[in-house]
PDB file of all heavy atoms in Angstrom:
ATOM      1  N   ALA A   1     153.258 125.025   1.416  1.00  0.00           N
ATOM      2  CA  ALA A   1     153.027 124.236   2.565  1.00  0.00           C
ATOM      3  C   ALA A   1     151.555 123.982   2.864  1.00  0.00           C
ATOM      4  O   ALA A   1     151.138 122.950   3.400  1.00  0.00           O
ATOM      5  CB  ALA A   1     153.782 124.909   3.828  1.00  0.00           C
ATOM      6  N   GLY A   2     150.758 125.018   2.624  1.00  0.00           N
ATOM      7  CA  GLY A   2     149.203 124.855   2.769  1.00  0.00           C
ATOM      8  C   GLY A   2     148.713 123.775   1.995  1.00  0.00           C
ATOM      9  O   GLY A   2     147.859 123.024   2.490  1.00  0.00           O
ATOM     10  N   LEU A   3     149.113 123.744   0.684  1.00  0.00           N
ATOM     11  CA  LEU A   3     148.459 122.849  -0.254  1.00  0.00           C
ATOM     12  C   LEU A   3     148.982 121.370   0.163  1.00  0.00           C
ATOM     13  O   LEU A   3     148.279 120.518   0.171  1.00  0.00           O
ATOM     14  CB  LEU A   3     148.976 123.248  -1.612  1.00  0.00           C
ATOM     15  CG  LEU A   3     148.366 122.389  -2.837  1.00  0.00           C
ATOM     16  CD1 LEU A   3     146.850 122.422  -2.725  1.00  0.00           C
ATOM     17  CD2 LEU A   3     148.884 122.851  -4.116  1.00  0.00           C
ATOM     18  N   MET A   4     150.263 121.278   0.527  1.00  0.00           N
ATOM     19  CA  MET A   4     150.808 119.983   0.969  1.00  0.00           C
ATOM     20  C   MET A   4     150.056 119.504   2.134  1.00  0.00           C
ATOM     21  O   MET A   4     149.710 118.288   2.255  1.00  0.00           O
ATOM     22  CB  MET A   4     152.296 119.993   1.215  1.00  0.00           C
ATOM     23  CG  MET A   4     153.140 120.332   0.061  1.00  0.00           C
ATOM     24  SD  MET A   4     153.221 118.881  -1.124  1.00  0.00           S
ATOM     25  CE  MET A   4     154.414 117.915  -0.188  1.00  0.00           C
ATOM     26  N   GLY A   5     149.719 120.345   3.089  1.00  0.00           N
ATOM     27  CA  GLY A   5     148.875 120.012   4.304  1.00  0.00           C
ATOM     28  C   GLY A   5     147.612 119.549   3.890  1.00  0.00           C
ATOM     29  O   GLY A   5     146.961 118.567   4.470  1.00  0.00           O
ATOM     30  N   ARG A   6     146.964 120.187   2.877  1.00  0.00           N
ATOM     31  CA  ARG A   6     145.559 119.725   2.400  1.00  0.00           C
ATOM     32  C   ARG A   6     145.646 118.277   1.922  1.00  0.00           C
ATOM     33  O   ARG A   6     144.722 117.403   2.015  1.00  0.00           O
ATOM     34  CB  ARG A   6     144.963 120.743   1.513  1.00  0.00           C
ATOM     35  CG  ARG A   6     144.632 122.045   2.141  1.00  0.00           C
ATOM     36  CD  ARG A   6     144.148 123.037   1.139  1.00  0.00           C
ATOM     37  NE  ARG A   6     144.175 124.380   1.638  1.00  0.00           N
ATOM     38  CZ  ARG A   6     143.166 124.923   2.270  1.00  0.00           C
ATOM     39  NH1 ARG A   6     141.963 124.231   2.489  1.00  0.00           N
ATOM     40  NH2 ARG A   6     143.184 126.096   2.913  1.00  0.00           N
ATOM     41  N   LEU A   7     146.659 118.039   1.078  1.00  0.00           N
ATOM     42  CA  LEU A   7     146.899 116.706   0.511  1.00  0.00           C
ATOM     43  C   LEU A   7     146.944 115.708   1.552  1.00  0.00           C
ATOM     44  O   LEU A   7     146.291 114.614   1.508  1.00  0.00           O
ATOM     45  CB  LEU A   7     147.969 116.818  -0.505  1.00  0.00           C
ATOM     46  CG  LEU A   7     147.938 117.460  -1.786  1.00  0.00           C
ATOM     47  CD1 LEU A   7     149.152 117.353  -2.578  1.00  0.00           C
ATOM     48  CD2 LEU A   7     146.847 116.722  -2.723  1.00  0.00           C
ATOM     49  N   ARG A   8     147.763 116.036   2.576  1.00  0.00           N
ATOM     50  CA  ARG A   8     147.972 114.956   3.669  1.00  0.00           C
ATOM     51  C   ARG A   8     146.611 114.820   4.447  1.00  0.00           C
ATOM     52  O   ARG A   8     146.347 113.665   4.864  1.00  0.00           O
ATOM     53  CB  ARG A   8     149.022 115.482   4.613  1.00  0.00           C
ATOM     54  CG  ARG A   8     150.442 115.428   3.929  1.00  0.00           C
ATOM     55  CD  ARG A   8     151.567 115.795   4.914  1.00  0.00           C
ATOM     56  NE  ARG A   8     152.951 115.655   4.351  1.00  0.00           N
ATOM     57  CZ  ARG A   8     153.600 116.630   3.844  1.00  0.00           C
ATOM     58  NH1 ARG A   8     153.221 117.851   4.030  1.00  0.00           N
ATOM     59  NH2 ARG A   8     154.808 116.391   3.342  1.00  0.00           N
ATOM     60  N   HIS A   9     145.858 115.734   4.539  1.00  0.00           N
ATOM     61  CA  HIS A   9     144.565 115.693   5.323  1.00  0.00           C
ATOM     62  C   HIS A   9     143.643 114.809   4.419  1.00  0.00           C
ATOM     63  O   HIS A   9     142.964 113.951   5.104  1.00  0.00           O
ATOM     64  CB  HIS A   9     143.919 117.063   5.431  1.00  0.00           C
ATOM     65  CG  HIS A   9     142.510 117.106   5.952  1.00  0.00           C
ATOM     66  ND1 HIS A   9     142.276 116.730   7.335  1.00  0.00           N
ATOM     67  CD2 HIS A   9     141.388 117.242   5.377  1.00  0.00           C
ATOM     68  CE1 HIS A   9     140.941 116.770   7.455  1.00  0.00           C
ATOM     69  NE2 HIS A   9     140.375 117.082   6.279  1.00  0.00           N
ATOM     70  N   HIS A  10     143.541 114.919   3.217  1.00  0.00           N
ATOM     71  CA  HIS A  10     142.656 114.082   2.333  1.00  0.00           C
ATOM     72  C   HIS A  10     143.177 112.805   2.027  1.00  0.00           C
ATOM     73  O   HIS A  10     142.391 111.930   1.507  1.00  0.00           O
ATOM     74  CB  HIS A  10     142.361 115.023   1.113  1.00  0.00           C
ATOM     75  CG  HIS A  10     141.476 116.187   1.338  1.00  0.00           C
ATOM     76  ND1 HIS A  10     140.211 116.100   1.837  1.00  0.00           N
ATOM     77  CD2 HIS A  10     141.767 117.480   1.235  1.00  0.00           C
ATOM     78  CE1 HIS A  10     139.711 117.343   2.010  1.00  0.00           C
ATOM     79  NE2 HIS A  10     140.615 118.170   1.625  1.00  0.00           N
ATOM     80  N   LEU A  11     144.541 112.589   2.121  1.00  0.00           N
ATOM     81  CA  LEU A  11     145.173 111.206   1.883  1.00  0.00           C
ATOM     82  C   LEU A  11     145.857 110.751   3.087  1.00  0.00           C
ATOM     83  O   LEU A  11     147.141 110.585   3.026  1.00  0.00           O
ATOM     84  CB  LEU A  11     145.899 111.319   0.554  1.00  0.00           C
ATOM     85  CG  LEU A  11     145.269 111.700  -0.764  1.00  0.00           C
ATOM     86  CD1 LEU A  11     146.248 112.046  -1.826  1.00  0.00           C
ATOM     87  CD2 LEU A  11     144.375 110.494  -1.167  1.00  0.00           C
ATOM     88  N   PRO A  12     145.216 110.583   4.212  1.00  0.00           N
ATOM     89  CA  PRO A  12     145.836 110.318   5.369  1.00  0.00           C
ATOM     90  C   PRO A  12     146.687 109.008   5.495  1.00  0.00           C
ATOM     91  O   PRO A  12     147.693 108.839   6.186  1.00  0.00           O
ATOM     92  CB  PRO A  12     144.899 110.307   6.502  1.00  0.00           C
ATOM     93  CG  PRO A  12     143.650 109.980   5.782  1.00  0.00           C
ATOM     94  CD  PRO A  12     143.766 110.572   4.428  1.00  0.00           C
ATOM     95  N   GLU A  13     146.382 108.044   4.625  1.00  0.00           N
ATOM     96  CA  GLU A  13     146.952 106.697   4.614  1.00  0.00           C
ATOM     97  C   GLU A  13     148.210 106.686   3.705  1.00  0.00           C
ATOM     98  O   GLU A  13     148.989 105.733   3.808  1.00  0.00           O
ATOM     99  CB  GLU A  13     146.043 105.656   4.132  1.00  0.00           C
ATOM    100  CG  GLU A  13     144.714 105.519   4.908  1.00  0.00           C
ATOM    101  CD  GLU A  13     144.990 105.177   6.315  1.00  0.00           C
ATOM    102  OE1 GLU A  13     145.748 104.408   6.547  1.00  0.00           O
ATOM    103  OE2 GLU A  13     144.334 105.776   7.228  1.00  0.00           O
ATOM    104  N   LEU A  14     148.604 107.752   3.008  1.00  0.00           N
ATOM    105  CA  LEU A  14     149.609 107.783   2.139  1.00  0.00           C
ATOM    106  C   LEU A  14     150.915 108.464   2.714  1.00  0.00           C
ATOM    107  O   LEU A  14     150.730 109.416   3.485  1.00  0.00           O
ATOM    108  CB  LEU A  14     149.377 108.457   0.727  1.00  0.00           C
ATOM    109  CG  LEU A  14     148.680 107.555  -0.295  1.00  0.00           C
ATOM    110  CD1 LEU A  14     147.401 106.970   0.087  1.00  0.00           C
ATOM    111  CD2 LEU A  14     148.643 108.423  -1.631  1.00  0.00           C
ATOM    112  N   GLU A  15     152.029 108.011   2.336  1.00  0.00           N
ATOM    113  CA  GLU A  15     153.314 108.843   2.529  1.00  0.00           C
ATOM    114  C   GLU A  15     153.354 109.923   1.399  1.00  0.00           C
ATOM    115  O   GLU A  15     153.372 109.549   0.195  1.00  0.00           O
ATOM    116  CB  GLU A  15     154.473 107.825   2.510  1.00  0.00           C
ATOM    117  CG  GLU A  15     154.553 106.871   3.615  1.00  0.00           C
ATOM    118  CD  GLU A  15     154.839 107.518   5.044  1.00  0.00           C
ATOM    119  OE1 GLU A  15     155.518 108.646   5.020  1.00  0.00           O
ATOM    120  OE2 GLU A  15     154.460 107.042   6.020  1.00  0.00           O
ATOM    121  N   ILE A  16     153.355 111.079   1.842  1.00  0.00           N
ATOM    122  CA  ILE A  16     153.441 112.240   0.818  1.00  0.00           C
ATOM    123  C   ILE A  16     154.647 113.101   1.019  1.00  0.00           C
ATOM    124  O   ILE A  16     154.875 113.563   2.173  1.00  0.00           O
ATOM    125  CB  ILE A  16     152.157 113.124   1.000  1.00  0.00           C
ATOM    126  CG1 ILE A  16     150.846 112.246   0.691  1.00  0.00           C
ATOM    127  CG2 ILE A  16     152.135 114.301  -0.012  1.00  0.00           C
ATOM    128  CD1 ILE A  16     149.542 113.013   0.905  1.00  0.00           C
ATOM    129  N   ALA A  17     155.479 113.207  -0.033  1.00  0.00           N
ATOM    130  CA  ALA A  17     156.601 114.004   0.126  1.00  0.00           C
ATOM    131  C   ALA A  17     157.000 114.534  -1.170  1.00  0.00           C
ATOM    132  O   ALA A  17     156.779 114.016  -2.270  1.00  0.00           O
ATOM    133  CB  ALA A  17     157.784 113.122   0.560  1.00  0.00           C
ATOM    134  N   PRO A  18     157.798 115.632  -1.356  1.00  0.00           N
ATOM    135  CA  PRO A  18     158.290 116.082  -2.499  1.00  0.00           C
ATOM    136  C   PRO A  18     159.317 115.120  -3.114  1.00  0.00           C
ATOM    137  O   PRO A  18     160.008 114.315  -2.415  1.00  0.00           O
ATOM    138  CB  PRO A  18     159.082 117.438  -2.044  1.00  0.00           C
ATOM    139  CG  PRO A  18     158.632 117.745  -0.736  1.00  0.00           C
ATOM    140  CD  PRO A  18     158.229 116.335  -0.077  1.00  0.00           C
ATOM    141  N   THR A  19     159.478 115.198  -4.415  1.00  0.00           N
ATOM    142  CA  THR A  19     160.406 114.274  -5.044  1.00  0.00           C
ATOM    143  C   THR A  19     161.861 114.538  -4.662  1.00  0.00           C
ATOM    144  O   THR A  19     162.743 113.679  -4.949  1.00  0.00           O
ATOM    145  CB  THR A  19     160.317 114.381  -6.639  1.00  0.00           C
ATOM    146  OG1 THR A  19     160.635 115.792  -6.987  1.00  0.00           O
ATOM    147  CG2 THR A  19     158.977 114.060  -7.198  1.00  0.00           C
ATOM    148  N   ASP A  20     162.162 115.534  -3.979  1.00  0.00           N
ATOM    149  CA  ASP A  20     163.516 115.876  -3.424  1.00  0.00           C
ATOM    150  C   ASP A  20     163.987 114.621  -2.631  1.00  0.00           C
ATOM    151  O   ASP A  20     165.187 114.356  -2.645  1.00  0.00           O
ATOM    152  CB  ASP A  20     163.561 117.086  -2.576  1.00  0.00           C
ATOM    153  CG  ASP A  20     163.054 118.328  -3.228  1.00  0.00           C
ATOM    154  OD1 ASP A  20     161.858 118.412  -3.753  1.00  0.00           O
ATOM    155  OD2 ASP A  20     163.830 119.269  -3.346  1.00  0.00           O
ATOM    156  N   GLU A  21     163.053 113.993  -1.963  1.00  0.00           N
ATOM    157  CA  GLU A  21     163.486 112.762  -1.164  1.00  0.00           C
ATOM    158  C   GLU A  21     163.821 111.647  -1.885  1.00  0.00           C
ATOM    159  O   GLU A  21     164.308 110.692  -1.352  1.00  0.00           O
ATOM    160  CB  GLU A  21     162.282 112.498  -0.139  1.00  0.00           C
ATOM    161  CG  GLU A  21     162.067 113.732   0.872  1.00  0.00           C
ATOM    162  CD  GLU A  21     161.134 113.297   1.948  1.00  0.00           C
ATOM    163  OE1 GLU A  21     160.731 112.056   2.175  1.00  0.00           O
ATOM    164  OE2 GLU A  21     160.650 114.271   2.652  1.00  0.00           O
ATOM    165  N   PHE A  22     163.506 111.682  -3.209  1.00  0.00           N
ATOM    166  CA  PHE A  22     164.017 110.531  -4.093  1.00  0.00           C
ATOM    167  C   PHE A  22     164.944 110.966  -5.167  1.00  0.00           C
ATOM    168  O   PHE A  22     165.179 110.333  -6.114  1.00  0.00           O
ATOM    169  CB  PHE A  22     162.643 109.894  -4.791  1.00  0.00           C
ATOM    170  CG  PHE A  22     161.929 109.114  -3.900  1.00  0.00           C
ATOM    171  CD1 PHE A  22     161.156 109.613  -2.868  1.00  0.00           C
ATOM    172  CD2 PHE A  22     161.990 107.729  -3.920  1.00  0.00           C
ATOM    173  CE1 PHE A  22     160.414 108.769  -1.950  1.00  0.00           C
ATOM    174  CE2 PHE A  22     161.269 106.839  -3.071  1.00  0.00           C
ATOM    175  CZ  PHE A  22     160.495 107.445  -2.029  1.00  0.00           C
ATOM    176  N   GLY A  23     165.713 112.120  -4.776  1.00  0.00           N
ATOM    177  CA  GLY A  23     166.862 112.383  -5.595  1.00  0.00           C
ATOM    178  C   GLY A  23     166.599 113.452  -6.684  1.00  0.00           C
ATOM    179  O   GLY A  23     167.589 113.812  -7.423  1.00  0.00           O
ATOM    180  N   LEU A  24     165.413 113.967  -6.903  1.00  0.00           N
ATOM    181  CA  LEU A  24     165.267 114.931  -7.955  1.00  0.00           C
ATOM    182  C   LEU A  24     164.449 116.192  -7.386  1.00  0.00           C
ATOM    183  O   LEU A  24     163.246 115.890  -6.933  1.00  0.00           O
ATOM    184  CB  LEU A  24     164.526 114.339  -9.151  1.00  0.00           C
ATOM    185  CG  LEU A  24     164.459 115.111 -10.461  1.00  0.00           C
ATOM    186  CD1 LEU A  24     165.916 115.496 -10.853  1.00  0.00           C
ATOM    187  CD2 LEU A  24     163.731 114.418 -11.556  1.00  0.00           C
ATOM    188  N   PRO A  25     165.021 117.348  -7.380  1.00  0.00           N
ATOM    189  CA  PRO A  25     164.321 118.401  -6.740  1.00  0.00           C
ATOM    190  C   PRO A  25     162.928 118.746  -7.389  1.00  0.00           C
ATOM    191  O   PRO A  25     162.966 118.809  -8.665  1.00  0.00           O
ATOM    192  CB  PRO A  25     165.216 119.636  -6.941  1.00  0.00           C
ATOM    193  CG  PRO A  25     166.596 119.048  -7.036  1.00  0.00           C
ATOM    194  CD  PRO A  25     166.332 117.657  -7.759  1.00  0.00           C
ATOM    195  N   ALA A  26     161.905 118.877  -6.587  1.00  0.00           N
ATOM    196  CA  ALA A  26     160.548 119.084  -7.146  1.00  0.00           C
ATOM    197  C   ALA A  26     160.531 120.300  -8.155  1.00  0.00           C
ATOM    198  O   ALA A  26     159.803 120.339  -8.952  1.00  0.00           O
ATOM    199  CB  ALA A  26     159.632 119.253  -5.925  1.00  0.00           C
ATOM    200  N   ARG A  27     161.278 121.255  -7.724  1.00  0.00           N
ATOM    201  CA  ARG A  27     161.204 122.471  -8.576  1.00  0.00           C
ATOM    202  C   ARG A  27     161.662 122.226  -9.962  1.00  0.00           C
ATOM    203  O   ARG A  27     161.236 122.991 -10.921  1.00  0.00           O
ATOM    204  CB  ARG A  27     162.204 123.596  -7.852  1.00  0.00           C
ATOM    205  CG  ARG A  27     162.556 124.804  -8.628  1.00  0.00           C
ATOM    206  CD  ARG A  27     161.325 125.675  -8.856  1.00  0.00           C
ATOM    207  NE  ARG A  27     161.722 127.012  -9.361  1.00  0.00           N
ATOM    208  CZ  ARG A  27     161.980 127.101 -10.829  1.00  0.00           C
ATOM    209  NH1 ARG A  27     161.654 126.088 -11.519  1.00  0.00           N
ATOM    210  NH2 ARG A  27     162.266 128.377 -11.311  1.00  0.00           N
ATOM    211  N   TRP A  28     162.479 121.322 -10.238  1.00  0.00           N
ATOM    212  CA  TRP A  28     163.117 121.136 -11.618  1.00  0.00           C
ATOM    213  C   TRP A  28     162.706 119.837 -12.291  1.00  0.00           C
ATOM    214  O   TRP A  28     163.274 119.570 -13.393  1.00  0.00           O
ATOM    215  CB  TRP A  28     164.621 121.156 -11.444  1.00  0.00           C
ATOM    216  CG  TRP A  28     165.065 122.464 -10.819  1.00  0.00           C
ATOM    217  CD1 TRP A  28     165.535 122.746  -9.574  1.00  0.00           C
ATOM    218  CD2 TRP A  28     165.149 123.706 -11.581  1.00  0.00           C
ATOM    219  NE1 TRP A  28     165.872 123.998  -9.390  1.00  0.00           N
ATOM    220  CE2 TRP A  28     165.588 124.680 -10.608  1.00  0.00           C
ATOM    221  CE3 TRP A  28     164.761 124.167 -12.761  1.00  0.00           C
ATOM    222  CZ2 TRP A  28     165.703 125.975 -10.863  1.00  0.00           C
ATOM    223  CZ3 TRP A  28     165.027 125.504 -13.178  1.00  0.00           C
ATOM    224  CH2 TRP A  28     165.439 126.349 -12.108  1.00  0.00           C
ATOM    225  N   VAL A  29     161.796 119.108 -11.842  1.00  0.00           N
ATOM    226  CA  VAL A  29     161.365 117.814 -12.451  1.00  0.00           C
ATOM    227  C   VAL A  29     160.852 118.040 -13.853  1.00  0.00           C
ATOM    228  O   VAL A  29     161.265 117.357 -14.711  1.00  0.00           O
ATOM    229  CB  VAL A  29     160.332 117.097 -11.634  1.00  0.00           C
ATOM    230  CG1 VAL A  29     159.872 115.833 -12.362  1.00  0.00           C
ATOM    231  CG2 VAL A  29     160.864 116.628 -10.218  1.00  0.00           C
ATOM    232  N   GLU A  30     159.937 119.070 -14.049  1.00  0.00           N
ATOM    233  CA  GLU A  30     159.367 119.250 -15.332  1.00  0.00           C
ATOM    234  C   GLU A  30     160.370 119.618 -16.398  1.00  0.00           C
ATOM    235  O   GLU A  30     160.263 119.069 -17.493  1.00  0.00           O
ATOM    236  CB  GLU A  30     158.234 120.146 -15.307  1.00  0.00           C
ATOM    237  CG  GLU A  30     157.378 120.255 -16.651  1.00  0.00           C
ATOM    238  CD  GLU A  30     156.111 120.962 -16.532  1.00  0.00           C
ATOM    239  OE1 GLU A  30     155.980 121.770 -15.522  1.00  0.00           O
ATOM    240  OE2 GLU A  30     155.305 120.723 -17.300  1.00  0.00           O
ATOM    241  N   VAL A  31     161.323 120.492 -15.991  1.00  0.00           N
ATOM    242  CA  VAL A  31     162.398 120.829 -17.128  1.00  0.00           C
ATOM    243  C   VAL A  31     163.262 119.658 -17.439  1.00  0.00           C
ATOM    244  O   VAL A  31     163.717 119.482 -18.569  1.00  0.00           O
ATOM    245  CB  VAL A  31     162.975 122.127 -16.673  1.00  0.00           C
ATOM    246  CG1 VAL A  31     163.928 121.857 -15.553  1.00  0.00           C
ATOM    247  CG2 VAL A  31     163.637 122.793 -17.906  1.00  0.00           C
ATOM    248  N   VAL A  32     163.603 118.941 -16.419  1.00  0.00           N
ATOM    249  CA  VAL A  32     164.309 117.682 -16.692  1.00  0.00           C
ATOM    250  C   VAL A  32     163.635 116.768 -17.623  1.00  0.00           C
ATOM    251  O   VAL A  32     164.277 115.991 -18.472  1.00  0.00           O
ATOM    252  CB  VAL A  32     164.723 116.868 -15.349  1.00  0.00           C
ATOM    253  CG1 VAL A  32     165.262 115.598 -15.645  1.00  0.00           C
ATOM    254  CG2 VAL A  32     165.672 117.822 -14.589  1.00  0.00           C
ATOM    255  N   LEU A  33     162.345 116.713 -17.612  1.00  0.00           N
ATOM    256  CA  LEU A  33     161.497 115.879 -18.522  1.00  0.00           C
ATOM    257  C   LEU A  33     161.825 116.194 -19.943  1.00  0.00           C
ATOM    258  O   LEU A  33     161.987 115.210 -20.774  1.00  0.00           O
ATOM    259  CB  LEU A  33     160.007 116.183 -18.301  1.00  0.00           C
ATOM    260  CG  LEU A  33     159.055 115.642 -19.335  1.00  0.00           C
ATOM    261  CD1 LEU A  33     159.046 114.254 -19.410  1.00  0.00           C
ATOM    262  CD2 LEU A  33     157.627 116.241 -19.107  1.00  0.00           C
ATOM    263  N   PHE A  34     162.015 117.435 -20.284  1.00  0.00           N
ATOM    264  CA  PHE A  34     162.326 117.780 -21.684  1.00  0.00           C
ATOM    265  C   PHE A  34     163.733 117.514 -22.130  1.00  0.00           C
ATOM    266  O   PHE A  34     163.907 117.167 -23.289  1.00  0.00           O
ATOM    267  CB  PHE A  34     161.874 119.177 -22.033  1.00  0.00           C
ATOM    268  CG  PHE A  34     160.450 119.391 -21.783  1.00  0.00           C
ATOM    269  CD1 PHE A  34     159.948 119.969 -20.656  1.00  0.00           C
ATOM    270  CD2 PHE A  34     159.564 118.765 -22.654  1.00  0.00           C
ATOM    271  CE1 PHE A  34     158.514 120.067 -20.489  1.00  0.00           C
ATOM    272  CE2 PHE A  34     158.229 118.826 -22.559  1.00  0.00           C
ATOM    273  CZ  PHE A  34     157.617 119.496 -21.403  1.00  0.00           C
ATOM    274  N   ALA A  35     164.745 117.467 -21.192  1.00  0.00           N
ATOM    275  CA  ALA A  35     165.976 116.902 -21.488  1.00  0.00           C
ATOM    276  C   ALA A  35     165.902 115.403 -21.769  1.00  0.00           C
ATOM    277  O   ALA A  35     166.538 114.876 -22.583  1.00  0.00           O
ATOM    278  CB  ALA A  35     166.928 117.240 -20.351  1.00  0.00           C
ATOM    279  N   TYR A  36     165.129 114.830 -20.952  1.00  0.00           N
ATOM    280  CA  TYR A  36     164.897 113.256 -21.061  1.00  0.00           C
ATOM    281  C   TYR A  36     164.198 112.916 -22.384  1.00  0.00           C
ATOM    282  O   TYR A  36     164.719 111.956 -23.155  1.00  0.00           O
ATOM    283  CB  TYR A  36     164.127 112.778 -19.924  1.00  0.00           C
ATOM    284  CG  TYR A  36     163.641 111.342 -20.016  1.00  0.00           C
ATOM    285  CD1 TYR A  36     164.553 110.218 -19.695  1.00  0.00           C
ATOM    286  CD2 TYR A  36     162.385 110.920 -20.446  1.00  0.00           C
ATOM    287  CE1 TYR A  36     164.217 108.945 -19.785  1.00  0.00           C
ATOM    288  CE2 TYR A  36     162.032 109.613 -20.480  1.00  0.00           C
ATOM    289  CZ  TYR A  36     162.937 108.641 -20.162  1.00  0.00           C
ATOM    290  OH  TYR A  36     162.596 107.277 -20.234  1.00  0.00           O
TER     291      TYR A  36
END
């Protein structure tokens, strides 16, 4: 949460969110890459 807050502070004009909000849990994106 702290790191996400820092990103939002330095990029205030952007919508910043985990990939969960687009259907793929952030925790598992990289391992899905190798299946892909």
